[in-house]
PDB file of N, CA and C in Angstrom:
ATOM      1  N   UNK A   1     -32.958 -35.865 -85.977  1.00  0.00           N
ATOM      2  CA  UNK A   1     -31.558 -35.729 -85.607  1.00  0.00           C
ATOM      3  C   UNK A   1     -31.101 -36.906 -84.764  1.00  0.00           C
ATOM      4  N   UNK A   2     -32.007 -37.486 -83.981  1.00  0.00           N
ATOM      5  CA  UNK A   2     -31.634 -38.618 -83.142  1.00  0.00           C
ATOM      6  C   UNK A   2     -31.319 -39.849 -83.995  1.00  0.00           C
ATOM      7  N   UNK A   3     -31.956 -39.962 -85.164  1.00  0.00           N
ATOM      8  CA  UNK A   3     -31.659 -41.076 -86.062  1.00  0.00           C
ATOM      9  C   UNK A   3     -30.234 -40.968 -86.591  1.00  0.00           C
ATOM     10  N   UNK A   4     -29.774 -39.745 -86.802  1.00  0.00           N
ATOM     11  CA  UNK A   4     -28.404 -39.540 -87.262  1.00  0.00           C
ATOM     12  C   UNK A   4     -27.399 -39.992 -86.209  1.00  0.00           C
ATOM     13  N   UNK A   5     -27.679 -39.687 -84.960  1.00  0.00           N
ATOM     14  CA  UNK A   5     -26.795 -40.128 -83.875  1.00  0.00           C
ATOM     15  C   UNK A   5     -26.775 -41.651 -83.776  1.00  0.00           C
ATOM     16  N   UNK A   6     -27.923 -42.248 -83.970  1.00  0.00           N
ATOM     17  CA  UNK A   6     -28.011 -43.708 -83.927  1.00  0.00           C
ATOM     18  C   UNK A   6     -27.217 -44.340 -85.071  1.00  0.00           C
ATOM     19  N   UNK A   7     -27.321 -43.782 -86.260  1.00  0.00           N
ATOM     20  CA  UNK A   7     -26.593 -44.332 -87.403  1.00  0.00           C
ATOM     21  C   UNK A   7     -25.082 -44.139 -87.262  1.00  0.00           C
ATOM     22  N   UNK A   8     -24.652 -43.003 -86.726  1.00  0.00           N
ATOM     23  CA  UNK A   8     -23.221 -42.776 -86.511  1.00  0.00           C
ATOM     24  C   UNK A   8     -22.696 -43.758 -85.482  1.00  0.00           C
ATOM     25  N   UNK A   9     -23.431 -43.971 -84.398  1.00  0.00           N
ATOM     26  CA  UNK A   9     -23.006 -44.922 -83.366  1.00  0.00           C
ATOM     27  C   UNK A   9     -22.950 -46.348 -83.926  1.00  0.00           C
ATOM     28  N   UNK A  10     -23.931 -46.710 -84.751  1.00  0.00           N
ATOM     29  CA  UNK A  10     -23.947 -48.053 -85.339  1.00  0.00           C
ATOM     30  C   UNK A  10     -22.783 -48.242 -86.304  1.00  0.00           C
ATOM     31  N   UNK A  11     -22.470 -47.224 -87.085  1.00  0.00           N
ATOM     32  CA  UNK A  11     -21.362 -47.355 -88.037  1.00  0.00           C
ATOM     33  C   UNK A  11     -20.018 -47.433 -87.315  1.00  0.00           C
ATOM     34  N   UNK A  12     -19.874 -46.714 -86.214  1.00  0.00           N
ATOM     35  CA  UNK A  12     -18.639 -46.814 -85.427  1.00  0.00           C
ATOM     36  C   UNK A  12     -18.520 -48.195 -84.797  1.00  0.00           C
ATOM     37  N   UNK A  13     -19.639 -48.760 -84.348  1.00  0.00           N
ATOM     38  CA  UNK A  13     -19.609 -50.108 -83.769  1.00  0.00           C
ATOM     39  C   UNK A  13     -19.233 -51.150 -84.825  1.00  0.00           C
ATOM     40  N   UNK A  14     -19.778 -51.035 -86.026  1.00  0.00           N
ATOM     41  CA  UNK A  14     -19.451 -51.981 -87.096  1.00  0.00           C
ATOM     42  C   UNK A  14     -17.992 -51.838 -87.506  1.00  0.00           C
ATOM     43  N   UNK A  15     -17.510 -50.614 -87.624  1.00  0.00           N
ATOM     44  CA  UNK A  15     -16.106 -50.391 -87.981  1.00  0.00           C
ATOM     45  C   UNK A  15     -15.183 -50.931 -86.900  1.00  0.00           C
ATOM     46  N   UNK A  16     -15.555 -50.761 -85.647  1.00  0.00           N
ATOM     47  CA  UNK A  16     -14.760 -51.310 -84.544  1.00  0.00           C
ATOM     48  C   UNK A  16     -14.718 -52.829 -84.565  1.00  0.00           C
ATOM     49  N   UNK A  17     -15.837 -53.446 -84.932  1.00  0.00           N
ATOM     50  CA  UNK A  17     -15.877 -54.906 -85.040  1.00  0.00           C
ATOM     51  C   UNK A  17     -14.955 -55.403 -86.141  1.00  0.00           C
ATOM     52  N   UNK A  18     -14.991 -54.737 -87.299  1.00  0.00           N
ATOM     53  CA  UNK A  18     -14.105 -55.130 -88.392  1.00  0.00           C
ATOM     54  C   UNK A  18     -12.640 -54.885 -88.042  1.00  0.00           C
ATOM     55  N   UNK A  19     -12.354 -53.811 -87.340  1.00  0.00           N
ATOM     56  CA  UNK A  19     -10.985 -53.543 -86.912  1.00  0.00           C
ATOM     57  C   UNK A  19     -10.508 -54.612 -85.932  1.00  0.00           C
ATOM     58  N   UNK A  20     -11.353 -54.998 -84.997  1.00  0.00           N
ATOM     59  CA  UNK A  20     -10.990 -56.050 -84.040  1.00  0.00           C
ATOM     60  C   UNK A  20     -10.760 -57.388 -84.748  1.00  0.00           C
ATOM     61  N   UNK A  21     -11.586 -57.702 -85.745  1.00  0.00           N
ATOM     62  CA  UNK A  21     -11.408 -58.947 -86.504  1.00  0.00           C
ATOM     63  C   UNK A  21     -10.107 -58.918 -87.292  1.00  0.00           C
ATOM     64  N   UNK A  22      -9.768 -57.775 -87.864  1.00  0.00           N
ATOM     65  CA  UNK A  22      -8.519 -57.660 -88.607  1.00  0.00           C
ATOM     66  C   UNK A  22      -7.313 -57.798 -87.685  1.00  0.00           C
ATOM     67  N   UNK A  23      -7.348 -57.151 -86.539  1.00  0.00           N
ATOM     68  CA  UNK A  23      -6.236 -57.257 -85.587  1.00  0.00           C
ATOM     69  C   UNK A  23      -6.098 -58.688 -85.089  1.00  0.00           C
ATOM     70  N   UNK A  24      -7.225 -59.360 -84.834  1.00  0.00           N
ATOM     71  CA  UNK A  24      -7.168 -60.760 -84.406  1.00  0.00           C
ATOM     72  C   UNK A  24      -6.542 -61.639 -85.487  1.00  0.00           C
ATOM     73  N   UNK A  25      -6.910 -61.428 -86.751  1.00  0.00           N
ATOM     74  CA  UNK A  25      -6.373 -62.263 -87.827  1.00  0.00           C
ATOM     75  C   UNK A  25      -4.886 -62.014 -88.048  1.00  0.00           C
ATOM     76  N   UNK A  26      -4.419 -60.797 -87.858  1.00  0.00           N
ATOM     77  CA  UNK A  26      -2.990 -60.513 -88.002  1.00  0.00           C
ATOM     78  C   UNK A  26      -2.214 -61.159 -86.860  1.00  0.00           C
ATOM     79  N   UNK A  27      -2.733 -61.073 -85.655  1.00  0.00           N
ATOM     80  CA  UNK A  27      -2.034 -61.651 -84.500  1.00  0.00           C
ATOM     81  C   UNK A  27      -2.045 -63.173 -84.503  1.00  0.00           C
ATOM     82  N   UNK A  28      -3.021 -63.784 -85.147  1.00  0.00           N
ATOM     83  CA  UNK A  28      -3.060 -65.242 -85.202  1.00  0.00           C
ATOM     84  C   UNK A  28      -2.412 -65.783 -86.479  1.00  0.00           C
ATOM     85  N   UNK A  29      -1.631 -64.941 -87.178  1.00  0.00           N
ATOM     86  CA  UNK A  29      -0.824 -65.325 -88.346  1.00  0.00           C
ATOM     87  C   UNK A  29      -1.658 -65.870 -89.507  1.00  0.00           C
ATOM     88  N   UNK A  30      -2.790 -65.263 -89.758  1.00  0.00           N
ATOM     89  CA  UNK A  30      -3.611 -65.673 -90.893  1.00  0.00           C
ATOM     90  C   UNK A  30      -3.003 -65.242 -92.224  1.00  0.00           C
ATOM     91  N   UNK A  31      -2.154 -64.213 -92.215  1.00  0.00           N
ATOM     92  CA  UNK A  31      -1.579 -63.676 -93.442  1.00  0.00           C
ATOM     93  C   UNK A  31      -0.106 -64.041 -93.586  1.00  0.00           C
ATOM     94  N   UNK A  32       0.337 -65.117 -92.939  1.00  0.00           N
ATOM     95  CA  UNK A  32       1.757 -65.459 -92.943  1.00  0.00           C
ATOM     96  C   UNK A  32       2.212 -66.019 -94.288  1.00  0.00           C
ATOM     97  N   UNK A  33       1.457 -66.924 -94.871  1.00  0.00           N
ATOM     98  CA  UNK A  33       1.845 -67.561 -96.132  1.00  0.00           C
ATOM     99  C   UNK A  33       1.199 -66.812 -97.289  1.00  0.00           C
ATOM    100  N   UNK A  34       1.920 -65.859 -97.861  1.00  0.00           N
ATOM    101  CA  UNK A  34       1.345 -65.046 -98.921  1.00  0.00           C
ATOM    102  C   UNK A  34       1.557 -65.638-100.298  1.00  0.00           C
ATOM    103  N   UNK A  35       2.554 -66.471-100.498  1.00  0.00           N
ATOM    104  CA  UNK A  35       2.851 -67.014-101.822  1.00  0.00           C
ATOM    105  C   UNK A  35       2.339 -68.436-102.010  1.00  0.00           C
ATOM    106  N   UNK A  36       1.990 -69.130-100.945  1.00  0.00           N
ATOM    107  CA  UNK A  36       1.637 -70.541-101.019  1.00  0.00           C
ATOM    108  C   UNK A  36       0.464 -70.850-101.928  1.00  0.00           C
ATOM    109  N   UNK A  37      -0.638 -70.184-101.720  1.00  0.00           N
ATOM    110  CA  UNK A  37      -1.836 -70.486-102.512  1.00  0.00           C
ATOM    111  C   UNK A  37      -1.673 -70.071-103.973  1.00  0.00           C
ATOM    112  N   UNK A  38      -0.972 -68.981-104.211  1.00  0.00           N
ATOM    113  CA  UNK A  38      -0.813 -68.548-105.599  1.00  0.00           C
ATOM    114  C   UNK A  38       0.158 -69.436-106.365  1.00  0.00           C
ATOM    115  N   UNK A  39       1.103 -70.039-105.700  1.00  0.00           N
ATOM    116  CA  UNK A  39       2.064 -70.921-106.370  1.00  0.00           C
ATOM    117  C   UNK A  39       1.556 -72.361-106.439  1.00  0.00           C
ATOM    118  N   UNK A  40       0.623 -72.724-105.596  1.00  0.00           N
ATOM    119  CA  UNK A  40       0.120 -74.093-105.548  1.00  0.00           C
ATOM    120  C   UNK A  40      -0.562 -74.490-106.844  1.00  0.00           C
ATOM    121  N   UNK A  41      -1.184 -73.541-107.534  1.00  0.00           N
ATOM    122  CA  UNK A  41      -1.882 -73.881-108.774  1.00  0.00           C
ATOM    123  C   UNK A  41      -0.916 -74.162-109.919  1.00  0.00           C
ATOM    124  N   UNK A  42       0.350 -73.797-109.767  1.00  0.00           N
ATOM    125  CA  UNK A  42       1.320 -74.018-110.827  1.00  0.00           C
ATOM    126  C   UNK A  42       1.977 -75.402-110.748  1.00  0.00           C
ATOM    127  N   UNK A  43       1.804 -76.097-109.633  1.00  0.00           N
ATOM    128  CA  UNK A  43       2.411 -77.421-109.492  1.00  0.00           C
ATOM    129  C   UNK A  43       1.681 -78.433-110.359  1.00  0.00           C
ATOM    130  N   UNK A  44       2.419 -79.353-110.921  1.00  0.00           N
ATOM    131  CA  UNK A  44       1.836 -80.384-111.766  1.00  0.00           C
ATOM    132  C   UNK A  44       1.242 -81.468-110.884  1.00  0.00           C
ATOM    133  N   UNK A  45      -0.027 -81.702-111.041  1.00  0.00           N
ATOM    134  CA  UNK A  45      -0.722 -82.689-110.236  1.00  0.00           C
ATOM    135  C   UNK A  45      -1.372 -83.692-111.177  1.00  0.00           C
ATOM    136  N   UNK A  46      -0.779 -84.874-111.303  1.00  0.00           N
ATOM    137  CA  UNK A  46      -1.268 -85.879-112.240  1.00  0.00           C
ATOM    138  C   UNK A  46      -2.432 -86.686-111.690  1.00  0.00           C
ATOM    139  N   UNK A  47      -2.736 -86.592-110.416  1.00  0.00           N
ATOM    140  CA  UNK A  47      -3.799 -87.412-109.849  1.00  0.00           C
ATOM    141  C   UNK A  47      -5.187 -86.934-110.273  1.00  0.00           C
ATOM    142  N   UNK A  48      -5.325 -85.711-110.705  1.00  0.00           N
ATOM    143  CA  UNK A  48      -6.635 -85.184-111.097  1.00  0.00           C
ATOM    144  C   UNK A  48      -6.929 -85.351-112.577  1.00  0.00           C
ATOM    145  N   UNK A  49      -5.964 -85.798-113.331  1.00  0.00           N
ATOM    146  CA  UNK A  49      -6.165 -85.941-114.783  1.00  0.00           C
ATOM    147  C   UNK A  49      -6.872 -87.259-115.096  1.00  0.00           C
ATOM    148  N   UNK A  50      -7.769 -87.213-116.044  1.00  0.00           N
ATOM    149  CA  UNK A  50      -8.500 -88.411-116.482  1.00  0.00           C
ATOM    150  C   UNK A  50      -8.009 -88.745-117.870  1.00  0.00           C
ATOM    151  N   UNK A  51      -7.531 -89.972-118.042  1.00  0.00           N
ATOM    152  CA  UNK A  51      -7.030 -90.356-119.372  1.00  0.00           C
ATOM    153  C   UNK A  51      -8.202 -90.744-120.263  1.00  0.00           C
ATOM    154  N   UNK A  52      -8.161 -90.257-121.483  1.00  0.00           N
ATOM    155  CA  UNK A  52      -9.231 -90.579-122.441  1.00  0.00           C
ATOM    156  C   UNK A  52      -8.770 -91.756-123.295  1.00  0.00           C
ATOM    157  N   UNK A  53      -9.619 -92.786-123.342  1.00  0.00           N
ATOM    158  CA  UNK A  53      -9.263 -93.971-124.128  1.00  0.00           C
ATOM    159  C   UNK A  53     -10.208 -94.180-125.266  1.00  0.00           C
TER     160      UNK A  53
END
């Protein structure tokens, strides 16, 4: 039974760590630009193309 208490305490600690990391990332504006990366792949970029001769 003591192992069960240890596992519950460990899972609460891990969940608390993930919650703290999520709150930190929201407060530091990590999720501010939601469309930038998805639209960036649609831009035409000629510098990466290799011409075949």
